[in-house]
Amino acid sequence: MIVETATLAKTALIETLEKLRDEVRSLAEPLSETAFWTKPIDPGNSFGHLVLHLTGNLNHFVGAQLGGSGYIRQREREFTEDNPPSKREALHKLDEAVATFRLVVSGLSDEQLAAPHPESRFGCTLKALTFLLTHFALHRGQMSYLVRLLPMK
């Protein structure tokens, strides 16, 4: 049996991101709407604003830059949105961004993985995808901490 490293890498990236997304959903589940959008530390972020940030990050660097989705990022609003969507809608949009990641990444060829990512600071596309995954994991860790500081009701 021949195992293709690129296929293994893509599968690992997708499965790890989906696991992290599931962990975010699990952490968010007991939070009320108010707690979801509360910033327990100042300066700091709410759980909900981190969800908006992760959603924007995936939609921009993967959906738009690799998949040609046409998504236009408003990064500053990810942290300052004062008229945010409901918790349910924010998590649904995160699900959609993760689904876009799966679709785009699973369709990348070996050559595309090795090619420079449109955002040159990342280097090759595979390195960019790895960075995006670690970035997601970092914020998932912050969310775990935030949940401990938030009222559940």
C-alpha atoms as a PDB file:
ATOM      1  CA  MET A   1       0.000   0.000   0.000  1.00  0.00           C
ATOM      2  CA  ILE A   2       1.379   3.393  -1.018  1.00  0.00           C
ATOM      3  CA  VAL A   3       0.628   6.196   1.408  1.00  0.00           C
ATOM      4  CA  GLU A   4       0.714   9.695   0.035  1.00  0.00           C
ATOM      5  CA  THR A   5       2.110  12.184   2.501  1.00  0.00           C
ATOM      6  CA  ALA A   6       0.060  15.075   1.090  1.00  0.00           C
ATOM      7  CA  THR A   7      -3.176  13.134   1.563  1.00  0.00           C
ATOM      8  CA  LEU A   8      -2.189  12.247   5.118  1.00  0.00           C
ATOM      9  CA  ALA A   9      -1.318  15.879   5.860  1.00  0.00           C
ATOM     10  CA  LYS A  10      -4.607  17.198   4.457  1.00  0.00           C
ATOM     11  CA  THR A  11      -6.614  14.614   6.387  1.00  0.00           C
ATOM     12  CA  ALA A  12      -4.748  15.395   9.603  1.00  0.00           C
ATOM     13  CA  LEU A  13      -5.305  19.140   9.206  1.00  0.00           C
ATOM     14  CA  ILE A  14      -9.016  18.731   8.468  1.00  0.00           C
ATOM     15  CA  GLU A  15      -9.678  16.243  11.257  1.00  0.00           C
ATOM     16  CA  THR A  16      -7.749  18.299  13.803  1.00  0.00           C
ATOM     17  CA  LEU A  17      -9.607  21.488  12.885  1.00  0.00           C
ATOM     18  CA  GLU A  18     -12.965  19.720  13.105  1.00  0.00           C
ATOM     19  CA  LYS A  19     -12.010  18.347  16.546  1.00  0.00           C
ATOM     20  CA  LEU A  20     -11.033  21.837  17.726  1.00  0.00           C
ATOM     21  CA  ARG A  21     -14.306  23.233  16.355  1.00  0.00           C
ATOM     22  CA  ASP A  22     -16.235  20.559  18.259  1.00  0.00           C
ATOM     23  CA  GLU A  23     -14.373  21.531  21.431  1.00  0.00           C
ATOM     24  CA  VAL A  24     -15.300  25.194  20.874  1.00  0.00           C
ATOM     25  CA  ARG A  25     -18.962  24.193  20.455  1.00  0.00           C
ATOM     26  CA  SER A  26     -18.805  22.105  23.627  1.00  0.00           C
ATOM     27  CA  LEU A  27     -17.310  24.991  25.589  1.00  0.00           C
ATOM     28  CA  ALA A  28     -19.914  27.413  24.211  1.00  0.00           C
ATOM     29  CA  GLU A  29     -22.904  25.168  24.843  1.00  0.00           C
ATOM     30  CA  PRO A  30     -23.537  26.050  28.517  1.00  0.00           C
ATOM     31  CA  LEU A  31     -22.974  29.788  27.960  1.00  0.00           C
ATOM     32  CA  SER A  32     -25.965  32.102  27.861  1.00  0.00           C
ATOM     33  CA  GLU A  33     -26.184  34.714  25.112  1.00  0.00           C
ATOM     34  CA  THR A  34     -24.960  37.318  27.576  1.00  0.00           C
ATOM     35  CA  ALA A  35     -22.035  35.218  28.803  1.00  0.00           C
ATOM     36  CA  PHE A  36     -21.071  34.357  25.211  1.00  0.00           C
ATOM     37  CA  TRP A  37     -20.557  38.069  24.455  1.00  0.00           C
ATOM     38  CA  THR A  38     -19.168  39.151  27.861  1.00  0.00           C
ATOM     39  CA  LYS A  39     -15.533  40.255  28.117  1.00  0.00           C
ATOM     40  CA  PRO A  40     -14.521  39.022  31.583  1.00  0.00           C
ATOM     41  CA  ILE A  41     -11.083  40.629  31.385  1.00  0.00           C
ATOM     42  CA  ASP A  42     -10.381  44.176  30.258  1.00  0.00           C
ATOM     43  CA  PRO A  43      -8.636  44.498  27.953  1.00  0.00           C
ATOM     44  CA  GLY A  44      -9.675  41.219  26.449  1.00  0.00           C
ATOM     45  CA  ASN A  45     -12.101  39.407  24.205  1.00  0.00           C
ATOM     46  CA  SER A  46     -15.394  37.690  24.636  1.00  0.00           C
ATOM     47  CA  PHE A  47     -15.865  34.055  23.713  1.00  0.00           C
ATOM     48  CA  GLY A  48     -18.170  35.235  20.910  1.00  0.00           C
ATOM     49  CA  HIS A  49     -15.675  37.705  19.488  1.00  0.00           C
ATOM     50  CA  LEU A  50     -13.064  34.940  19.354  1.00  0.00           C
ATOM     51  CA  VAL A  51     -15.587  32.835  17.411  1.00  0.00           C
ATOM     52  CA  LEU A  52     -16.035  35.738  14.970  1.00  0.00           C
ATOM     53  CA  HIS A  53     -12.246  36.058  14.699  1.00  0.00           C
ATOM     54  CA  LEU A  54     -11.666  32.364  13.975  1.00  0.00           C
ATOM     55  CA  THR A  55     -14.485  32.414  11.437  1.00  0.00           C
ATOM     56  CA  GLY A  56     -13.037  35.469   9.678  1.00  0.00           C
ATOM     57  CA  ASN A  57      -9.543  34.019   9.756  1.00  0.00           C
ATOM     58  CA  LEU A  58     -10.563  30.760   8.052  1.00  0.00           C
ATOM     59  CA  ASN A  59     -12.850  32.507   5.561  1.00  0.00           C
ATOM     60  CA  HIS A  60     -10.102  34.939   4.582  1.00  0.00           C
ATOM     61  CA  PHE A  61      -6.930  32.856   4.440  1.00  0.00           C
ATOM     62  CA  VAL A  62      -8.533  29.638   3.170  1.00  0.00           C
ATOM     63  CA  GLY A  63     -11.929  30.502   1.696  1.00  0.00           C
ATOM     64  CA  ALA A  64     -10.973  33.680  -0.139  1.00  0.00           C
ATOM     65  CA  GLN A  65      -7.244  33.346  -0.713  1.00  0.00           C
ATOM     66  CA  LEU A  66      -7.112  29.642  -1.579  1.00  0.00           C
ATOM     67  CA  GLY A  67     -10.688  28.884  -2.576  1.00  0.00           C
ATOM     68  CA  GLY A  68     -11.635  32.108  -4.349  1.00  0.00           C
ATOM     69  CA  SER A  69     -14.835  32.522  -2.305  1.00  0.00           C
ATOM     70  CA  GLY A  70     -14.867  36.310  -2.589  1.00  0.00           C
ATOM     71  CA  TYR A  71     -15.077  36.719   1.191  1.00  0.00           C
ATOM     72  CA  ILE A  72     -14.125  40.239   2.299  1.00  0.00           C
ATOM     73  CA  ARG A  73     -12.646  40.337   5.773  1.00  0.00           C
ATOM     74  CA  GLN A  74     -13.335  43.084   8.275  1.00  0.00           C
ATOM     75  CA  ARG A  75     -10.819  41.974  10.879  1.00  0.00           C
ATOM     76  CA  GLU A  76     -11.304  44.847  13.305  1.00  0.00           C
ATOM     77  CA  ARG A  77     -15.042  44.110  13.541  1.00  0.00           C
ATOM     78  CA  GLU A  78     -14.249  40.551  14.599  1.00  0.00           C
ATOM     79  CA  PHE A  79     -13.120  42.035  17.926  1.00  0.00           C
ATOM     80  CA  THR A  80     -15.327  45.117  18.181  1.00  0.00           C
ATOM     81  CA  GLU A  81     -18.693  44.089  16.715  1.00  0.00           C
ATOM     82  CA  ASP A  82     -21.202  45.850  18.963  1.00  0.00           C
ATOM     83  CA  ASN A  83     -24.254  44.398  17.208  1.00  0.00           C
ATOM     84  CA  PRO A  84     -23.181  40.761  17.133  1.00  0.00           C
ATOM     85  CA  PRO A  85     -25.181  37.854  15.754  1.00  0.00           C
ATOM     86  CA  SER A  86     -26.792  35.383  18.133  1.00  0.00           C
ATOM     87  CA  LYS A  87     -24.618  32.727  19.703  1.00  0.00           C
ATOM     88  CA  ARG A  88     -26.336  30.156  17.507  1.00  0.00           C
ATOM     89  CA  GLU A  89     -25.656  32.142  14.317  1.00  0.00           C
ATOM     90  CA  ALA A  90     -22.019  32.827  15.252  1.00  0.00           C
ATOM     91  CA  LEU A  91     -21.408  29.113  15.843  1.00  0.00           C
ATOM     92  CA  HIS A  92     -23.218  28.231  12.611  1.00  0.00           C
ATOM     93  CA  LYS A  93     -20.925  30.583  10.677  1.00  0.00           C
ATOM     94  CA  LEU A  94     -17.931  28.935  12.353  1.00  0.00           C
ATOM     95  CA  ASP A  95     -19.279  25.559  11.185  1.00  0.00           C
ATOM     96  CA  GLU A  96     -19.540  26.945   7.653  1.00  0.00           C
ATOM     97  CA  ALA A  97     -15.950  28.253   7.773  1.00  0.00           C
ATOM     98  CA  VAL A  98     -14.693  24.846   8.928  1.00  0.00           C
ATOM     99  CA  ALA A  99     -16.699  23.200   6.127  1.00  0.00           C
ATOM    100  CA  THR A 100     -15.037  25.597   3.664  1.00  0.00           C
ATOM    101  CA  PHE A 101     -11.651  24.630   5.089  1.00  0.00           C
ATOM    102  CA  ARG A 102     -12.492  20.944   4.526  1.00  0.00           C
ATOM    103  CA  LEU A 103     -13.679  21.565   0.975  1.00  0.00           C
ATOM    104  CA  VAL A 104     -10.747  23.740  -0.074  1.00  0.00           C
ATOM    105  CA  VAL A 105      -7.989  21.782   1.666  1.00  0.00           C
ATOM    106  CA  SER A 106      -9.217  18.386   0.511  1.00  0.00           C
ATOM    107  CA  GLY A 107      -9.118  19.645  -3.081  1.00  0.00           C
ATOM    108  CA  LEU A 108      -5.555  20.972  -3.003  1.00  0.00           C
ATOM    109  CA  SER A 109      -3.026  19.176  -5.168  1.00  0.00           C
ATOM    110  CA  ASP A 110       0.484  18.318  -4.035  1.00  0.00           C
ATOM    111  CA  GLU A 111       1.738  21.227  -6.142  1.00  0.00           C
ATOM    112  CA  GLN A 112      -0.727  23.644  -4.538  1.00  0.00           C
ATOM    113  CA  LEU A 113       0.305  22.540  -1.042  1.00  0.00           C
ATOM    114  CA  ALA A 114       3.944  23.204  -1.901  1.00  0.00           C
ATOM    115  CA  ALA A 115       3.259  26.504  -3.687  1.00  0.00           C
ATOM    116  CA  PRO A 116       3.582  29.862  -1.930  1.00  0.00           C
ATOM    117  CA  HIS A 117       0.446  30.901  -0.065  1.00  0.00           C
ATOM    118  CA  PRO A 118      -1.004  34.213  -1.343  1.00  0.00           C
ATOM    119  CA  GLU A 119      -0.081  35.706   2.054  1.00  0.00           C
ATOM    120  CA  SER A 120       3.691  35.594   1.593  1.00  0.00           C
ATOM    121  CA  ARG A 121       4.520  35.776   5.309  1.00  0.00           C
ATOM    122  CA  PHE A 122       3.243  32.196   5.637  1.00  0.00           C
ATOM    123  CA  GLY A 123       5.579  30.637   3.093  1.00  0.00           C
ATOM    124  CA  CYS A 124       4.123  27.600   1.336  1.00  0.00           C
ATOM    125  CA  THR A 125       0.443  26.708   1.559  1.00  0.00           C
ATOM    126  CA  LEU A 126       1.024  23.675   3.773  1.00  0.00           C
ATOM    127  CA  LYS A 127       2.957  25.824   6.239  1.00  0.00           C
ATOM    128  CA  ALA A 128       0.133  28.407   6.145  1.00  0.00           C
ATOM    129  CA  LEU A 129      -2.477  25.748   6.885  1.00  0.00           C
ATOM    130  CA  THR A 130      -0.395  24.483   9.797  1.00  0.00           C
ATOM    131  CA  PHE A 131      -0.108  28.024  11.134  1.00  0.00           C
ATOM    132  CA  LEU A 132      -3.888  28.544  10.826  1.00  0.00           C
ATOM    133  CA  LEU A 133      -4.523  25.353  12.748  1.00  0.00           C
ATOM    134  CA  THR A 134      -2.168  26.330  15.575  1.00  0.00           C
ATOM    135  CA  HIS A 135      -3.737  29.794  15.620  1.00  0.00           C
ATOM    136  CA  PHE A 136      -7.163  28.182  16.021  1.00  0.00           C
ATOM    137  CA  ALA A 137      -5.836  25.948  18.819  1.00  0.00           C
ATOM    138  CA  LEU A 138      -4.375  28.956  20.633  1.00  0.00           C
ATOM    139  CA  HIS A 139      -7.735  30.734  20.682  1.00  0.00           C
ATOM    140  CA  ARG A 140      -9.524  27.512  21.626  1.00  0.00           C
ATOM    141  CA  GLY A 141      -7.248  27.450  24.683  1.00  0.00           C
ATOM    142  CA  GLN A 142      -8.159  31.046  25.489  1.00  0.00           C
ATOM    143  CA  MET A 143     -11.826  30.091  25.252  1.00  0.00           C
ATOM    144  CA  SER A 144     -11.299  27.330  27.798  1.00  0.00           C
ATOM    145  CA  TYR A 145      -9.872  29.901  30.180  1.00  0.00           C
ATOM    146  CA  LEU A 146     -12.630  32.441  29.476  1.00  0.00           C
ATOM    147  CA  VAL A 147     -15.357  29.909  30.259  1.00  0.00           C
ATOM    148  CA  ARG A 148     -13.952  29.535  33.757  1.00  0.00           C
ATOM    149  CA  LEU A 149     -14.330  33.292  34.288  1.00  0.00           C
ATOM    150  CA  LEU A 150     -17.863  33.612  32.906  1.00  0.00           C
ATOM    151  CA  PRO A 151     -21.220  33.185  34.594  1.00  0.00           C
ATOM    152  CA  MET A 152     -23.098  30.310  32.942  1.00  0.00           C
ATOM    153  CA  LYS A 153     -26.546  31.892  33.214  1.00  0.00           C
END
